Each structure stands twice: as structure tokens, then as C-alpha cells.
Amino acid sequence: ELYRQAFGIFSHTNTQLIMFDTLLVITVDELIRHVTIDQQERGLLLMRVRDELGITLDAYRTLYDSRWCKI
């Protein structure tokens, strides 16, 4: 839910969200690839940021899911 709010997606089905997530990952990875070709250090930094963001989002999803399971 936090992820959807952050990206302004409110009324889509779960399948549409998975498709959006996949498209976003492909787009970001392609952008990082292009940056890395021109500036290797900057590309590596972007990969680290992407990986940390993924870990953070997974942690928020876990916290959100565990909150609703206890109710």
C-alpha cells in the first residue's frame, strides 16, 4: 500500500501492479545500464541505490503485511 501511494497507483488490480512493477524494474535497469556505459562509478552507485530501495520496500511490505495479520 505504501508503494502504491508513493507512485500514485490506487485503483489497479494486483495483476496490473505486478505488470507496473516489472516495467519499472526494466526501465530503471536500462537507465542504469546506459549511465554505466558512460560513467562506471555513477552506474555502480545507482545500482547500490536501486538495491537498497528494493530492500527497504520489501521491509515496508513485510511490516505492512504483518500489521494486518495481527488484527
Protein backbone atom coordinates (compact mmCIF):
# COMPACT_ATOMS: atom_id res chain seq x y z
CA GLU A 1 0.00 0.00 0.00
CA LEU A 2 2.84 2.38 0.81
CA TYR A 3 4.42 1.54 -2.52
CA ARG A 4 1.17 2.23 -4.36
CA GLN A 5 0.68 5.54 -2.54
CA ALA A 6 4.23 6.60 -3.30
CA PHE A 7 3.71 6.06 -7.02
CA GLY A 8 0.10 7.28 -7.15
CA ILE A 9 -1.49 3.95 -8.04
CA PHE A 10 -4.77 3.42 -6.23
CA SER A 11 -7.36 1.55 -8.24
CA HIS A 12 -5.46 -1.12 -10.15
CA THR A 13 -5.75 -4.86 -9.83
CA ASN A 14 -2.93 -6.94 -8.40
CA THR A 15 -2.00 -8.18 -11.90
CA GLN A 16 -1.71 -4.60 -13.14
CA LEU A 17 0.51 -3.73 -10.18
CA ILE A 18 2.80 -6.67 -10.94
CA MET A 19 3.00 -5.55 -14.57
CA PHE A 20 3.79 -1.98 -13.45
CA ASP A 21 6.48 -3.25 -11.05
CA THR A 22 8.05 -5.30 -13.85
CA LEU A 23 8.01 -2.37 -16.28
CA LEU A 24 9.50 -0.08 -13.65
CA VAL A 25 12.33 -2.53 -12.92
CA ILE A 26 13.11 -2.97 -16.62
CA THR A 27 13.11 0.80 -17.17
CA VAL A 28 15.34 1.53 -14.18
CA ASP A 29 17.75 -1.26 -15.11
CA GLU A 30 18.00 0.06 -18.66
CA LEU A 31 18.65 3.58 -17.39
CA ILE A 32 21.37 2.29 -15.06
CA ARG A 33 22.90 0.34 -17.94
CA HIS A 34 23.13 3.47 -20.09
CA VAL A 35 24.62 5.54 -17.27
CA THR A 36 27.15 2.79 -16.50
CA ILE A 37 28.38 2.77 -20.10
CA ASP A 38 29.28 6.48 -19.88
CA GLN A 39 30.25 6.74 -16.20
CA GLN A 40 31.02 3.45 -14.49
CA GLU A 41 31.24 4.83 -10.94
CA ARG A 42 27.90 6.61 -11.22
CA GLY A 43 26.27 3.48 -12.64
CA LEU A 44 27.58 1.37 -9.76
CA LEU A 45 26.24 3.93 -7.30
CA LEU A 46 22.82 3.83 -8.98
CA MET A 47 22.83 0.02 -8.72
CA ARG A 48 23.54 0.27 -4.99
CA VAL A 49 20.71 2.80 -4.57
CA ARG A 50 18.34 0.54 -6.53
CA ASP A 51 19.26 -2.48 -4.42
CA GLU A 52 18.86 -0.58 -1.13
CA LEU A 53 15.49 0.76 -2.27
CA GLY A 54 14.35 -2.79 -3.05
CA ILE A 55 15.40 -3.97 0.41
CA THR A 56 13.62 -1.02 2.04
CA LEU A 57 10.42 -1.60 0.06
CA ASP A 58 10.46 -5.30 0.95
CA ALA A 59 10.84 -4.39 4.62
CA TYR A 60 7.89 -1.97 4.42
CA ARG A 61 5.77 -4.61 2.67
CA THR A 62 6.63 -7.14 5.37
CA LEU A 63 5.76 -4.67 8.14
CA TYR A 64 2.53 -3.73 6.43
CA ASP A 65 1.51 -7.36 5.89
CA SER A 66 2.37 -8.38 9.46
CA ARG A 67 0.34 -5.48 10.84
CA TRP A 68 -2.82 -6.68 9.12
CA CYS A 69 -2.28 -10.31 10.06
CA LYS A 70 -2.44 -9.48 13.77
CA ILE A 71 -5.85 -7.81 13.60
